[in-house]
């Protein structure tokens, strides 16, 4: 297994980075990547024909919160991106100009009465915040003072637009708490879900609240030195039972997005059985990992040198994914959150560069 981030680099023309989603959503392109043989250029609307009756589609039902906040400590401006809520009700957040902050400082926000106290600060630009509002009052505060924390590669010089509020929300969204959308889910429409139902493909959801750490790059060239940020996840007993029953009946588990896959693998026993889960996961999947829970993965095209590109290389094979991404670049597929998708079949033995 390689330990070099540079082995996961590739050239991506900036023009292929998508600023807006396909309309309608299920008209996005879908690159079908079988274990062997040629790649197939399709569209997302073809997905029901690529699955089988008895398969189970598992999606992430997290909902994005407006996690980007413009705070002040006195006259100093502090950019805050909420990351995840902690069991004691405090929030872990990433902060610009974090070196100016000290425990006991109080942050204010324009146009609202809600404040946040600094509980502690870490060496990596993170802070623990305690807000003086909770529940519905905190939700109202975020709607007033917060903005979507769109990925930095989505160009919005004046901030997120009204269209982004709908575009950056999946049809599965139910449980609020994510900083970033589980973007594979952005491709689904009511019509596509109806077609999956008609094809005999069952559906279940789980919840993984995607944190601000999803935007952080792998620093340096050592993969082993990279630390994943924890994210909160829940798999109910009912969903776990449905997954286990599908596998026992010979159906395939199809993960919608890397967030879904990461939580399923976090909850999997050595034999692939899924147990109910309620807690944090910081699982880091890279070539050499042995998958236990997922047979197929639908996901968008990811950043060079990113942990997510490492994950798909682990799932479908290192050289297979390098070839697939080269095909996608050459054929003009759109990349990242608002871009096109691919459907991966799990390789029998995950590959890695020599």
Protein backbone atom coordinates (compact mmCIF):
# COMPACT_ATOMS: atom_id res chain seq x y z
CA UNK A 1 0.00 0.00 0.00
CA UNK A 2 1.36 3.41 -0.96
CA UNK A 3 1.86 6.04 1.72
CA UNK A 4 2.35 8.93 -0.72
CA UNK A 5 -0.38 11.47 -1.41
CA UNK A 6 1.39 12.32 -4.67
CA UNK A 7 0.40 8.89 -6.00
CA UNK A 8 -3.21 10.14 -5.95
CA UNK A 9 -2.58 13.33 -7.90
CA UNK A 10 -3.94 13.92 -11.40
CA UNK A 11 -4.35 16.85 -13.79
CA UNK A 12 -7.79 18.42 -13.81
CA UNK A 13 -8.60 21.34 -16.14
CA UNK A 14 -10.33 24.09 -14.11
CA UNK A 15 -13.08 24.26 -16.74
CA UNK A 16 -14.32 20.83 -15.60
CA UNK A 17 -15.11 22.02 -12.06
CA UNK A 18 -18.89 22.43 -11.91
CA UNK A 19 -20.33 25.69 -10.55
CA UNK A 20 -23.95 24.61 -10.95
CA UNK A 21 -25.74 21.25 -10.99
CA UNK A 22 -27.31 19.60 -14.01
CA UNK A 23 -30.98 20.44 -14.54
CA UNK A 24 -32.94 18.30 -14.02
CA UNK A 25 -30.73 16.69 -11.43
CA UNK A 26 -31.02 13.15 -12.80
CA UNK A 27 -29.82 14.32 -16.24
CA UNK A 28 -26.24 14.46 -14.92
CA UNK A 29 -23.82 12.08 -16.57
CA UNK A 30 -23.01 8.75 -14.93
CA UNK A 31 -19.84 6.83 -15.70
CA UNK A 32 -20.47 3.12 -15.12
CA UNK A 33 -17.20 1.52 -13.98
CA UNK A 34 -17.48 -2.28 -13.93
CA UNK A 35 -14.79 -4.44 -12.38
CA UNK A 36 -13.40 -5.18 -15.85
CA UNK A 37 -14.12 -4.21 -19.43
CA UNK A 38 -14.90 -0.85 -20.99
CA UNK A 39 -16.37 2.07 -19.12
CA UNK A 40 -19.95 2.93 -20.04
CA UNK A 41 -21.07 6.55 -20.50
CA UNK A 42 -24.60 6.90 -19.18
CA UNK A 43 -26.80 9.36 -17.31
CA UNK A 44 -28.03 9.18 -13.73
CA UNK A 45 -31.56 8.39 -14.96
CA UNK A 46 -30.17 5.04 -16.19
CA UNK A 47 -29.43 3.90 -12.63
CA UNK A 48 -32.49 1.61 -12.23
CA UNK A 49 -31.40 -0.42 -15.27
CA UNK A 50 -27.92 -0.88 -13.76
CA UNK A 51 -29.24 -2.40 -10.53
CA UNK A 52 -31.19 -5.60 -9.86
CA UNK A 53 -34.44 -6.41 -8.07
CA UNK A 54 -33.52 -7.17 -4.47
CA UNK A 55 -30.67 -4.67 -4.33
CA UNK A 56 -30.77 -2.10 -1.52
CA UNK A 57 -29.88 1.55 -2.08
CA UNK A 58 -28.63 3.25 1.10
CA UNK A 59 -28.46 7.06 1.19
CA UNK A 60 -27.42 9.69 3.73
CA UNK A 61 -30.38 11.71 5.05
CA UNK A 62 -28.38 14.44 6.74
CA UNK A 63 -29.48 18.01 6.06
CA UNK A 64 -27.06 20.91 5.63
CA UNK A 65 -27.15 23.77 8.13
CA UNK A 66 -25.99 27.34 7.36
CA UNK A 67 -22.71 26.75 9.15
CA UNK A 68 -20.66 29.74 7.97
CA UNK A 69 -20.73 32.57 10.53
CA UNK A 70 -19.16 36.02 10.58
CA UNK A 71 -18.31 36.71 14.22
CA UNK A 72 -16.62 39.51 16.08
CA UNK A 73 -14.53 39.59 19.19
CA UNK A 74 -14.54 43.28 19.94
CA UNK A 75 -13.43 44.89 16.67
CA UNK A 76 -11.68 41.77 15.35
CA UNK A 77 -13.54 39.81 12.69
CA UNK A 78 -13.47 36.03 13.15
CA UNK A 79 -14.70 33.66 10.45
CA UNK A 80 -16.37 30.60 11.97
CA UNK A 81 -17.38 27.37 10.25
CA UNK A 82 -19.35 25.04 12.50
CA UNK A 83 -18.04 21.48 12.31
CA UNK A 84 -20.08 19.25 14.63
CA UNK A 85 -22.10 19.39 17.81
CA UNK A 86 -20.55 17.60 20.79
CA UNK A 87 -22.39 15.46 23.37
CA UNK A 88 -22.37 18.26 25.95
CA UNK A 89 -24.08 20.69 23.56
CA UNK A 90 -20.97 22.66 22.63
CA UNK A 91 -19.81 22.95 19.03
CA UNK A 92 -16.47 22.18 17.47
CA UNK A 93 -15.75 24.77 14.79
CA UNK A 94 -12.96 25.88 12.48
CA UNK A 95 -11.96 29.51 12.93
CA UNK A 96 -10.05 31.96 10.76
CA UNK A 97 -7.79 34.16 12.88
CA UNK A 98 -8.11 31.55 15.63
CA UNK A 99 -4.81 32.68 17.16
CA UNK A 100 -6.59 35.82 18.34
CA UNK A 101 -8.98 33.76 20.45
CA UNK A 102 -8.61 32.70 24.07
CA UNK A 103 -10.79 30.65 26.41
CA UNK A 104 -13.36 32.96 27.95
CA UNK A 105 -13.65 35.26 24.92
CA UNK A 106 -17.18 36.05 23.79
CA UNK A 107 -18.13 36.24 20.11
CA UNK A 108 -21.00 38.37 18.84
CA UNK A 109 -22.89 38.24 15.55
CA UNK A 110 -24.37 41.16 13.64
CA UNK A 111 -28.12 41.63 13.88
CA UNK A 112 -28.80 39.00 16.56
CA UNK A 113 -28.57 38.77 20.33
CA UNK A 114 -27.09 35.27 20.41
CA UNK A 115 -23.46 35.06 21.51
CA UNK A 116 -20.88 32.27 21.70
CA UNK A 117 -18.23 31.76 24.36
CA UNK A 118 -14.83 30.25 23.58
CA UNK A 119 -14.41 27.15 25.74
CA UNK A 120 -11.02 26.12 24.33
CA UNK A 121 -8.81 26.33 21.26
CA UNK A 122 -6.62 23.72 19.59
CA UNK A 123 -3.40 24.03 17.61
CA UNK A 124 -5.03 23.25 14.26
CA UNK A 125 -7.36 26.23 14.04
CA UNK A 126 -10.26 24.58 15.83
CA UNK A 127 -12.28 26.00 18.72
CA UNK A 128 -14.97 24.73 21.06
CA UNK A 129 -17.92 27.13 21.26
CA UNK A 130 -20.85 27.30 23.64
CA UNK A 131 -23.78 29.28 22.29
CA UNK A 132 -26.30 30.90 24.61
CA UNK A 133 -29.18 29.59 22.48
CA UNK A 134 -30.28 26.03 21.81
CA UNK A 135 -33.08 24.09 20.17
CA UNK A 136 -35.48 26.15 18.00
CA UNK A 137 -33.82 29.40 19.13
CA UNK A 138 -30.45 28.17 17.88
CA UNK A 139 -31.99 27.04 14.58
CA UNK A 140 -33.52 30.50 14.15
CA UNK A 141 -30.14 32.09 14.92
CA UNK A 142 -28.44 30.03 12.18
CA UNK A 143 -31.12 30.91 9.65
CA UNK A 144 -30.56 34.60 10.38
CA UNK A 145 -26.81 34.81 10.91
CA UNK A 146 -25.45 31.79 9.02
CA UNK A 147 -24.67 31.05 5.39
CA UNK A 148 -24.03 27.83 3.52
CA UNK A 149 -20.42 26.73 3.77
CA UNK A 150 -20.08 25.92 0.09
CA UNK A 151 -16.88 24.14 -0.94
CA UNK A 152 -14.12 26.59 -1.94
CA UNK A 153 -14.12 25.32 -5.53
CA UNK A 154 -17.72 26.53 -6.10
CA UNK A 155 -17.12 30.12 -7.18
CA UNK A 156 -19.45 32.47 -5.32
CA UNK A 157 -17.64 35.84 -4.94
CA UNK A 158 -20.74 37.37 -3.33
CA UNK A 159 -21.60 34.34 -1.23
CA UNK A 160 -24.11 31.51 -1.77
CA UNK A 161 -27.12 32.36 -3.91
CA UNK A 162 -30.80 31.69 -3.30
CA UNK A 163 -30.54 28.89 -5.87
CA UNK A 164 -27.80 27.25 -3.81
CA UNK A 165 -30.22 26.84 -0.90
CA UNK A 166 -32.19 24.36 -3.02
CA UNK A 167 -29.38 23.04 -5.19
CA UNK A 168 -27.20 22.08 -2.20
CA UNK A 169 -29.95 20.03 -0.58
CA UNK A 170 -30.64 16.36 -1.34
CA UNK A 171 -34.07 14.80 -1.70
CA UNK A 172 -33.18 12.59 1.30
CA UNK A 173 -32.49 15.53 3.67
CA UNK A 174 -34.16 15.06 7.04
CA UNK A 175 -31.84 15.39 10.04
CA UNK A 176 -30.05 18.75 10.31
CA UNK A 177 -26.40 18.84 11.28
CA UNK A 178 -24.13 18.64 8.21
CA UNK A 179 -21.76 21.37 7.10
CA UNK A 180 -21.43 19.93 3.58
CA UNK A 181 -23.98 18.06 1.49
CA UNK A 182 -23.56 14.35 0.75
CA UNK A 183 -23.28 15.26 -2.89
CA UNK A 184 -24.04 11.93 -4.57
CA UNK A 185 -27.55 12.36 -3.20
CA UNK A 186 -27.98 15.63 -5.10
CA UNK A 187 -28.67 13.67 -8.30
CA UNK A 188 -31.90 12.04 -7.10
CA UNK A 189 -35.37 13.23 -8.10
CA UNK A 190 -38.88 11.98 -7.29
CA UNK A 191 -39.03 10.47 -10.77
CA UNK A 192 -35.78 8.56 -10.27
CA UNK A 193 -36.94 7.24 -6.90
CA UNK A 194 -40.19 6.06 -8.49
CA UNK A 195 -38.23 4.30 -11.24
CA UNK A 196 -36.06 2.56 -8.64
CA UNK A 197 -39.19 1.42 -6.81
CA UNK A 198 -40.61 0.05 -10.06
CA UNK A 199 -37.34 -1.81 -10.71
CA UNK A 200 -37.60 -3.61 -7.36
CA UNK A 201 -34.71 -1.73 -5.76
CA UNK A 202 -35.37 -1.06 -2.06
CA UNK A 203 -34.19 2.05 -0.21
CA UNK A 204 -33.03 2.88 3.29
CA UNK A 205 -31.30 5.87 4.85
CA UNK A 206 -28.73 6.47 7.55
CA UNK A 207 -27.35 9.72 8.93
CA UNK A 208 -23.77 10.97 8.80
CA UNK A 209 -23.36 14.66 9.53
CA UNK A 210 -20.60 15.73 7.15
CA UNK A 211 -18.17 18.03 8.97
CA UNK A 212 -16.00 20.96 7.95
CA UNK A 213 -13.01 18.63 7.92
CA UNK A 214 -14.25 17.28 4.59
CA UNK A 215 -12.74 20.40 2.98
CA UNK A 216 -9.31 19.95 4.55
CA UNK A 217 -6.56 18.70 2.21
CA UNK A 218 -3.95 16.07 2.94
CA UNK A 219 -0.98 18.18 4.00
CA UNK A 220 2.44 16.95 3.00
CA UNK A 221 3.04 13.70 1.12
CA UNK A 222 2.55 11.20 3.95
CA UNK A 223 -0.91 9.65 3.98
CA UNK A 224 -0.21 7.92 7.30
CA UNK A 225 0.28 11.31 8.96
CA UNK A 226 -3.17 12.55 7.93
CA UNK A 227 -5.78 12.66 10.68
CA UNK A 228 -9.45 12.44 9.76
CA UNK A 229 -11.89 14.64 11.67
CA UNK A 230 -14.63 12.80 13.53
CA UNK A 231 -18.18 12.96 12.21
CA UNK A 232 -21.42 11.97 13.92
CA UNK A 233 -23.38 9.05 12.51
CA UNK A 234 -26.54 7.05 13.20
CA UNK A 235 -27.74 3.74 11.76
CA UNK A 236 -31.06 2.66 13.23
CA UNK A 237 -31.84 -0.93 14.16
CA UNK A 238 -34.44 -1.01 11.37
CA UNK A 239 -31.94 0.07 8.72
CA UNK A 240 -29.31 -2.37 10.00
CA UNK A 241 -31.85 -5.20 9.86
CA UNK A 242 -32.87 -4.31 6.30
CA UNK A 243 -29.24 -4.28 5.16
CA UNK A 244 -28.52 -7.63 6.79
CA UNK A 245 -31.70 -9.17 5.32
CA UNK A 246 -30.76 -7.92 1.84
CA UNK A 247 -27.35 -9.49 2.02
CA UNK A 248 -28.76 -12.77 3.36
CA UNK A 249 -31.15 -12.88 0.39
CA UNK A 250 -28.35 -12.33 -2.13
CA UNK A 251 -29.03 -8.66 -2.83
CA UNK A 252 -26.33 -6.04 -3.18
CA UNK A 253 -25.76 -3.06 -0.91
CA UNK A 254 -25.43 0.11 -3.02
CA UNK A 255 -24.06 3.10 -1.12
CA UNK A 256 -25.09 6.55 -2.32
CA UNK A 257 -21.96 8.56 -1.59
CA UNK A 258 -18.72 8.11 0.29
CA UNK A 259 -20.33 9.34 3.53
CA UNK A 260 -22.81 6.47 3.42
CA UNK A 261 -20.03 4.00 2.64
CA UNK A 262 -17.82 5.27 5.46
CA UNK A 263 -20.57 4.91 8.05
CA UNK A 264 -21.58 1.45 6.84
CA UNK A 265 -17.98 0.27 7.03
CA UNK A 266 -17.67 1.82 10.50
CA UNK A 267 -20.66 -0.24 11.67
CA UNK A 268 -19.71 -3.51 9.96
CA UNK A 269 -18.65 -6.64 11.80
CA UNK A 270 -15.84 -8.75 10.28
CA UNK A 271 -18.43 -10.92 8.50
CA UNK A 272 -20.16 -7.87 7.00
CA UNK A 273 -23.09 -7.82 9.42
CA UNK A 274 -24.22 -4.25 10.14
CA UNK A 275 -24.91 -3.35 13.75
CA UNK A 276 -26.94 -0.32 14.85
CA UNK A 277 -24.64 2.66 15.30
CA UNK A 278 -24.85 5.95 17.18
CA UNK A 279 -21.57 7.75 17.64
CA UNK A 280 -18.56 9.31 15.97
CA UNK A 281 -16.48 7.87 13.17
CA UNK A 282 -13.11 8.99 11.84
CA UNK A 283 -12.52 6.00 9.55
CA UNK A 284 -9.86 6.61 6.89
CA UNK A 285 -10.27 4.26 3.91
CA UNK A 286 -7.38 3.95 1.48
CA UNK A 287 -5.89 1.22 -0.73
CA UNK A 288 -5.31 -1.92 1.28
CA UNK A 289 -8.59 -1.61 3.16
CA UNK A 290 -10.81 -4.72 3.08
CA UNK A 291 -14.44 -3.79 2.51
CA UNK A 292 -17.09 -5.66 4.46
CA UNK A 293 -20.41 -3.90 3.96
CA UNK A 294 -20.77 -2.32 0.50
CA UNK A 295 -20.95 -3.91 -2.96
CA UNK A 296 -21.47 -0.84 -5.17
CA UNK A 297 -20.85 2.87 -4.74
CA UNK A 298 -22.39 5.84 -6.52
CA UNK A 299 -20.28 8.92 -5.99
CA UNK A 300 -19.19 12.17 -7.63
CA UNK A 301 -15.70 12.83 -9.02
CA UNK A 302 -13.29 13.93 -6.30
CA UNK A 303 -10.33 16.24 -5.73
CA UNK A 304 -6.79 15.19 -6.64
CA UNK A 305 -4.80 14.00 -3.59
CA UNK A 306 -7.99 13.90 -1.51
CA UNK A 307 -8.96 11.22 1.01
CA UNK A 308 -12.08 10.61 -1.09
CA UNK A 309 -10.08 9.81 -4.22
CA UNK A 310 -8.03 7.45 -2.04
CA UNK A 311 -11.29 5.84 -0.91
CA UNK A 312 -12.56 5.17 -4.44
CA UNK A 313 -9.15 3.77 -5.40
CA UNK A 314 -9.45 1.39 -2.46
CA UNK A 315 -12.96 0.37 -3.52
CA UNK A 316 -12.57 -0.18 -7.26
CA UNK A 317 -8.80 -0.56 -7.65
CA UNK A 318 -6.05 2.01 -7.91
CA UNK A 319 -5.22 1.71 -11.61
CA UNK A 320 -8.86 1.17 -12.53
CA UNK A 321 -9.80 4.51 -10.95
CA UNK A 322 -6.85 6.35 -12.45
CA UNK A 323 -7.99 5.10 -15.85
CA UNK A 324 -11.60 6.02 -15.12
CA UNK A 325 -10.69 9.54 -14.07
CA UNK A 326 -8.52 9.94 -17.18
CA UNK A 327 -11.52 8.87 -19.25
CA UNK A 328 -13.77 11.34 -17.39
CA UNK A 329 -11.35 14.22 -17.95
CA UNK A 330 -10.88 13.41 -21.62
CA UNK A 331 -14.65 13.12 -22.16
CA UNK A 332 -15.53 16.35 -20.36
CA UNK A 333 -17.27 15.00 -17.26
CA UNK A 334 -18.04 17.67 -14.65
CA UNK A 335 -16.24 17.31 -11.31
CA UNK A 336 -16.93 17.85 -7.59
CA UNK A 337 -20.06 18.70 -5.61
CA UNK A 338 -22.25 19.98 -8.45
CA UNK A 339 -20.70 17.69 -11.03
CA UNK A 340 -21.43 14.32 -12.60
CA UNK A 341 -21.34 10.91 -10.95
CA UNK A 342 -19.86 7.47 -11.36
CA UNK A 343 -21.07 4.00 -10.36
CA UNK A 344 -18.34 1.76 -8.97
CA UNK A 345 -18.35 -2.00 -8.59
CA UNK A 346 -16.18 -3.26 -5.74
CA UNK A 347 -12.92 -4.82 -6.87
CA UNK A 348 -12.34 -8.39 -5.63
CA UNK A 349 -8.99 -7.34 -4.23
CA UNK A 350 -8.29 -3.62 -3.69
CA UNK A 351 -5.30 -2.47 -5.68
CA UNK A 352 -2.46 -0.11 -4.92
CA UNK A 353 0.50 1.19 -6.89
CA UNK A 354 3.70 -0.78 -6.74
